[in-house]
Amino acid sequence: MQNQDQQFLDYLIKALVDNPNDVKISRTVDEMGVLMTLEVNAADMGKVIGRSGNTAKAIRTLLRVVGMKNNSRVNLKINEPEGATPHESKASKTVDEAMADLKI
């Protein structure tokens, strides 16, 4: 039987994405609490994460509320799909490269 937090996350994510059949959720429990690991189709990553990560933050907040109701700490990990191109960070140079540019 699925737990309430897993059922909730499954419902929420499947309502958000274009490929609900590709949604996979695993749930592990340890001394730190509950860890939900989410995998979605690469095309749906943007919908799950949202602009500036706001959708992912909101999902995590809702999961914590569900967890509080069940006296557990719930965390969410979103796995990058296989073959996904990693997002480039805003820092394009290392500290050493930036220092070399300054010629100090």
N, C-alpha and C. Protein backbone atom coordinates (compact mmCIF):
# COMPACT_ATOMS: atom_id res chain seq x y z
N MET A 1 0.84 -1.21 0.00
CA MET A 1 0.00 0.00 0.00
C MET A 1 0.87 1.26 0.00
N GLN A 2 0.49 2.23 -0.81
CA GLN A 2 1.23 3.48 -0.84
C GLN A 2 0.90 4.32 0.39
N ASN A 3 1.86 5.08 0.83
CA ASN A 3 1.64 5.98 1.95
C ASN A 3 0.98 7.26 1.46
N GLN A 4 0.38 8.00 2.39
CA GLN A 4 -0.34 9.22 2.02
C GLN A 4 0.57 10.22 1.31
N ASP A 5 1.81 10.37 1.80
CA ASP A 5 2.71 11.34 1.17
C ASP A 5 3.06 10.93 -0.26
N GLN A 6 3.24 9.63 -0.49
CA GLN A 6 3.55 9.15 -1.83
C GLN A 6 2.35 9.28 -2.76
N GLN A 7 1.17 8.99 -2.25
CA GLN A 7 -0.06 9.13 -3.05
C GLN A 7 -0.27 10.59 -3.43
N PHE A 8 -0.04 11.49 -2.48
CA PHE A 8 -0.21 12.91 -2.73
C PHE A 8 0.76 13.40 -3.80
N LEU A 9 2.05 13.02 -3.66
CA LEU A 9 3.06 13.44 -4.64
C LEU A 9 2.74 12.89 -6.02
N ASP A 10 2.32 11.63 -6.09
CA ASP A 10 1.96 10.99 -7.35
C ASP A 10 0.82 11.77 -8.03
N TYR A 11 -0.22 12.08 -7.28
CA TYR A 11 -1.37 12.82 -7.81
C TYR A 11 -0.93 14.20 -8.32
N LEU A 12 -0.16 14.89 -7.50
CA LEU A 12 0.27 16.25 -7.81
C LEU A 12 1.14 16.30 -9.07
N ILE A 13 2.14 15.44 -9.14
CA ILE A 13 3.07 15.46 -10.28
C ILE A 13 2.37 15.03 -11.56
N LYS A 14 1.55 13.98 -11.49
CA LYS A 14 0.86 13.50 -12.69
C LYS A 14 -0.10 14.55 -13.24
N ALA A 15 -0.64 15.40 -12.37
CA ALA A 15 -1.53 16.48 -12.82
C ALA A 15 -0.73 17.60 -13.50
N LEU A 16 0.55 17.70 -13.17
CA LEU A 16 1.40 18.78 -13.66
C LEU A 16 2.06 18.48 -14.99
N VAL A 17 2.41 17.22 -15.23
CA VAL A 17 3.25 16.87 -16.39
C VAL A 17 2.45 16.43 -17.61
N ASP A 18 3.12 16.43 -18.77
CA ASP A 18 2.50 15.97 -20.02
C ASP A 18 2.63 14.45 -20.21
N ASN A 19 3.58 13.83 -19.50
CA ASN A 19 3.82 12.39 -19.63
C ASN A 19 3.64 11.69 -18.28
N PRO A 20 2.40 11.59 -17.79
CA PRO A 20 2.18 11.02 -16.45
C PRO A 20 2.62 9.56 -16.31
N ASN A 21 2.67 8.82 -17.42
CA ASN A 21 3.08 7.41 -17.33
C ASN A 21 4.57 7.27 -17.05
N ASP A 22 5.34 8.34 -17.25
CA ASP A 22 6.78 8.30 -17.01
C ASP A 22 7.16 8.70 -15.58
N VAL A 23 6.18 9.05 -14.76
CA VAL A 23 6.46 9.48 -13.39
C VAL A 23 6.77 8.26 -12.53
N LYS A 24 7.94 8.32 -11.84
CA LYS A 24 8.33 7.25 -10.93
C LYS A 24 8.70 7.87 -9.60
N ILE A 25 8.14 7.33 -8.53
CA ILE A 25 8.42 7.85 -7.20
C ILE A 25 8.87 6.69 -6.32
N SER A 26 10.03 6.87 -5.68
CA SER A 26 10.45 5.88 -4.70
C SER A 26 10.49 6.55 -3.34
N ARG A 27 10.23 5.77 -2.31
CA ARG A 27 10.12 6.31 -0.95
C ARG A 27 11.02 5.49 -0.04
N THR A 28 11.94 6.16 0.66
CA THR A 28 12.78 5.50 1.64
C THR A 28 12.66 6.20 2.97
N VAL A 29 12.77 5.43 4.04
CA VAL A 29 12.67 5.98 5.39
C VAL A 29 13.94 5.63 6.15
N ASP A 30 14.53 6.63 6.81
CA ASP A 30 15.67 6.38 7.68
C ASP A 30 15.56 7.27 8.91
N GLU A 31 16.65 7.38 9.69
CA GLU A 31 16.59 8.17 10.92
C GLU A 31 16.38 9.66 10.66
N MET A 32 16.65 10.11 9.42
CA MET A 32 16.46 11.52 9.07
C MET A 32 15.01 11.83 8.68
N GLY A 33 14.24 10.81 8.39
CA GLY A 33 12.86 11.01 7.97
C GLY A 33 12.57 10.27 6.68
N VAL A 34 11.65 10.81 5.89
CA VAL A 34 11.22 10.18 4.65
C VAL A 34 11.88 10.91 3.48
N LEU A 35 12.44 10.15 2.54
CA LEU A 35 13.00 10.74 1.33
C LEU A 35 12.21 10.22 0.14
N MET A 36 11.59 11.15 -0.57
CA MET A 36 10.86 10.80 -1.79
C MET A 36 11.77 11.16 -2.96
N THR A 37 12.01 10.20 -3.84
CA THR A 37 12.84 10.45 -5.02
C THR A 37 11.94 10.42 -6.24
N LEU A 38 11.99 11.48 -7.02
CA LEU A 38 11.09 11.66 -8.15
C LEU A 38 11.86 11.59 -9.45
N GLU A 39 11.31 10.84 -10.41
CA GLU A 39 11.85 10.81 -11.77
C GLU A 39 10.71 11.10 -12.72
N VAL A 40 10.96 12.03 -13.66
CA VAL A 40 9.96 12.37 -14.66
C VAL A 40 10.62 12.38 -16.04
N ASN A 41 9.80 12.42 -17.07
CA ASN A 41 10.29 12.52 -18.44
C ASN A 41 11.11 13.81 -18.58
N ALA A 42 12.19 13.74 -19.36
CA ALA A 42 13.07 14.91 -19.53
C ALA A 42 12.29 16.14 -20.02
N ALA A 43 11.27 15.93 -20.84
CA ALA A 43 10.48 17.04 -21.37
C ALA A 43 9.66 17.73 -20.28
N ASP A 44 9.43 17.05 -19.16
CA ASP A 44 8.60 17.60 -18.08
C ASP A 44 9.40 18.22 -16.94
N MET A 45 10.73 18.17 -17.01
CA MET A 45 11.55 18.70 -15.91
C MET A 45 11.25 20.18 -15.64
N GLY A 46 11.09 20.97 -16.68
CA GLY A 46 10.81 22.39 -16.51
C GLY A 46 9.51 22.64 -15.76
N LYS A 47 8.51 21.82 -16.05
CA LYS A 47 7.21 21.98 -15.37
C LYS A 47 7.32 21.65 -13.89
N VAL A 48 8.11 20.64 -13.56
CA VAL A 48 8.25 20.21 -12.17
C VAL A 48 9.10 21.18 -11.37
N ILE A 49 10.16 21.70 -11.99
CA ILE A 49 11.05 22.61 -11.28
C ILE A 49 10.50 24.03 -11.28
N GLY A 50 9.99 24.49 -12.41
CA GLY A 50 9.40 25.83 -12.48
C GLY A 50 10.43 26.92 -12.60
N ARG A 51 9.96 28.12 -12.85
CA ARG A 51 10.85 29.27 -12.99
C ARG A 51 11.54 29.54 -11.66
N SER A 52 12.86 29.61 -11.69
CA SER A 52 13.70 29.83 -10.49
C SER A 52 13.46 28.77 -9.42
N GLY A 53 12.97 27.61 -9.81
CA GLY A 53 12.76 26.53 -8.85
C GLY A 53 11.54 26.71 -7.97
N ASN A 54 10.67 27.66 -8.32
CA ASN A 54 9.53 27.97 -7.46
C ASN A 54 8.52 26.82 -7.35
N THR A 55 8.29 26.10 -8.44
CA THR A 55 7.34 24.98 -8.39
C THR A 55 7.88 23.88 -7.49
N ALA A 56 9.16 23.57 -7.64
CA ALA A 56 9.78 22.54 -6.80
C ALA A 56 9.72 22.94 -5.32
N LYS A 57 9.97 24.22 -5.02
CA LYS A 57 9.89 24.70 -3.64
C LYS A 57 8.49 24.53 -3.09
N ALA A 58 7.48 24.86 -3.91
CA ALA A 58 6.08 24.74 -3.47
C ALA A 58 5.72 23.28 -3.21
N ILE A 59 6.18 22.38 -4.09
CA ILE A 59 5.91 20.95 -3.91
C ILE A 59 6.55 20.47 -2.61
N ARG A 60 7.78 20.89 -2.35
CA ARG A 60 8.47 20.50 -1.10
C ARG A 60 7.72 21.01 0.13
N THR A 61 7.22 22.24 0.05
CA THR A 61 6.46 22.81 1.17
C THR A 61 5.20 22.00 1.43
N LEU A 62 4.48 21.66 0.36
CA LEU A 62 3.26 20.86 0.51
C LEU A 62 3.57 19.49 1.10
N LEU A 63 4.67 18.88 0.67
CA LEU A 63 5.06 17.57 1.21
C LEU A 63 5.39 17.66 2.69
N ARG A 64 6.03 18.76 3.11
CA ARG A 64 6.32 18.93 4.54
C ARG A 64 5.04 19.03 5.35
N VAL A 65 4.03 19.70 4.79
CA VAL A 65 2.75 19.82 5.48
C VAL A 65 2.11 18.44 5.64
N VAL A 66 2.13 17.65 4.56
CA VAL A 66 1.60 16.28 4.63
C VAL A 66 2.39 15.48 5.66
N GLY A 67 3.71 15.66 5.67
CA GLY A 67 4.56 14.97 6.63
C GLY A 67 4.26 15.35 8.07
N MET A 68 4.04 16.65 8.31
CA MET A 68 3.71 17.11 9.68
C MET A 68 2.45 16.45 10.18
N LYS A 69 1.49 16.30 9.29
CA LYS A 69 0.22 15.67 9.67
C LYS A 69 0.45 14.24 10.14
N ASN A 70 1.48 13.59 9.56
CA ASN A 70 1.81 12.21 9.92
C ASN A 70 3.03 12.10 10.83
N ASN A 71 3.42 13.22 11.45
CA ASN A 71 4.57 13.26 12.36
C ASN A 71 5.85 12.73 11.73
N SER A 72 6.12 13.10 10.48
CA SER A 72 7.36 12.69 9.84
C SER A 72 7.93 13.86 9.03
N ARG A 73 9.23 13.82 8.84
CA ARG A 73 9.90 14.85 8.04
C ARG A 73 10.05 14.30 6.63
N VAL A 74 9.47 14.99 5.66
CA VAL A 74 9.48 14.51 4.28
C VAL A 74 10.35 15.43 3.42
N ASN A 75 11.30 14.84 2.70
CA ASN A 75 12.16 15.58 1.78
C ASN A 75 11.96 15.04 0.37
N LEU A 76 12.18 15.90 -0.61
CA LEU A 76 12.01 15.51 -2.01
C LEU A 76 13.31 15.70 -2.76
N LYS A 77 13.70 14.65 -3.49
CA LYS A 77 14.86 14.71 -4.39
C LYS A 77 14.34 14.50 -5.79
N ILE A 78 14.71 15.41 -6.70
CA ILE A 78 14.28 15.29 -8.10
C ILE A 78 15.49 14.84 -8.91
N ASN A 79 15.41 13.64 -9.47
CA ASN A 79 16.53 13.11 -10.26
C ASN A 79 16.53 13.71 -11.66
N GLU A 80 17.73 14.07 -12.14
CA GLU A 80 17.89 14.52 -13.53
C GLU A 80 17.69 13.32 -14.44
N PRO A 81 16.91 13.44 -15.50
CA PRO A 81 16.73 12.32 -16.41
C PRO A 81 18.02 11.97 -17.14
N GLU A 82 18.14 10.70 -17.55
CA GLU A 82 19.31 10.26 -18.31
C GLU A 82 19.42 11.09 -19.59
N GLY A 83 20.61 11.52 -19.91
CA GLY A 83 20.84 12.26 -21.15
C GLY A 83 20.42 13.71 -21.10
N ALA A 84 20.00 14.19 -19.94
CA ALA A 84 19.61 15.60 -19.82
C ALA A 84 20.85 16.46 -19.85
N THR A 85 20.73 17.61 -20.48
CA THR A 85 21.87 18.52 -20.49
C THR A 85 21.86 19.30 -19.19
N PRO A 86 22.96 19.28 -18.45
CA PRO A 86 22.98 20.01 -17.18
C PRO A 86 22.87 21.51 -17.43
N HIS A 87 22.18 22.18 -16.52
CA HIS A 87 22.01 23.63 -16.66
C HIS A 87 23.33 24.30 -16.34
N GLU A 88 23.69 25.29 -17.17
CA GLU A 88 24.92 26.02 -16.92
C GLU A 88 24.69 27.01 -15.80
N SER A 89 25.66 27.08 -14.90
CA SER A 89 25.53 28.05 -13.82
C SER A 89 25.88 29.43 -14.36
N LYS A 90 25.50 30.45 -13.61
CA LYS A 90 25.75 31.82 -14.04
C LYS A 90 27.24 32.14 -14.03
N ALA A 91 28.00 31.48 -13.14
CA ALA A 91 29.44 31.71 -13.08
C ALA A 91 30.10 30.91 -14.19
N SER A 92 30.60 31.63 -15.19
CA SER A 92 31.18 30.94 -16.33
C SER A 92 32.68 30.69 -16.15
N LYS A 93 33.28 31.37 -15.17
CA LYS A 93 34.71 31.21 -14.94
C LYS A 93 34.95 30.74 -13.51
N THR A 94 36.06 30.03 -13.33
CA THR A 94 36.45 29.66 -11.98
C THR A 94 37.06 30.88 -11.31
N VAL A 95 37.25 30.81 -10.03
CA VAL A 95 37.87 31.91 -9.29
C VAL A 95 39.28 32.17 -9.83
N ASP A 96 40.02 31.08 -10.10
CA ASP A 96 41.38 31.24 -10.61
C ASP A 96 41.39 31.96 -11.96
N GLU A 97 40.45 31.61 -12.85
CA GLU A 97 40.38 32.26 -14.16
C GLU A 97 40.03 33.74 -14.02
N ALA A 98 39.12 34.05 -13.11
CA ALA A 98 38.74 35.44 -12.89
C ALA A 98 39.92 36.23 -12.33
N MET A 99 40.67 35.62 -11.42
CA MET A 99 41.84 36.30 -10.84
C MET A 99 42.91 36.52 -11.91
N ALA A 100 43.10 35.55 -12.81
CA ALA A 100 44.09 35.69 -13.88
C ALA A 100 43.69 36.83 -14.81
N ASP A 101 42.39 37.02 -15.03
CA ASP A 101 41.91 38.11 -15.87
C ASP A 101 42.24 39.47 -15.26
N LEU A 102 42.25 39.52 -13.93
CA LEU A 102 42.54 40.79 -13.25
C LEU A 102 44.02 41.14 -13.31
N LYS A 103 44.87 40.15 -13.60
CA LYS A 103 46.32 40.31 -13.71
C LYS A 103 46.92 40.96 -12.46
N ILE A 104 46.53 40.42 -11.34
CA ILE A 104 47.04 40.95 -10.05
C ILE A 104 48.28 40.19 -9.65
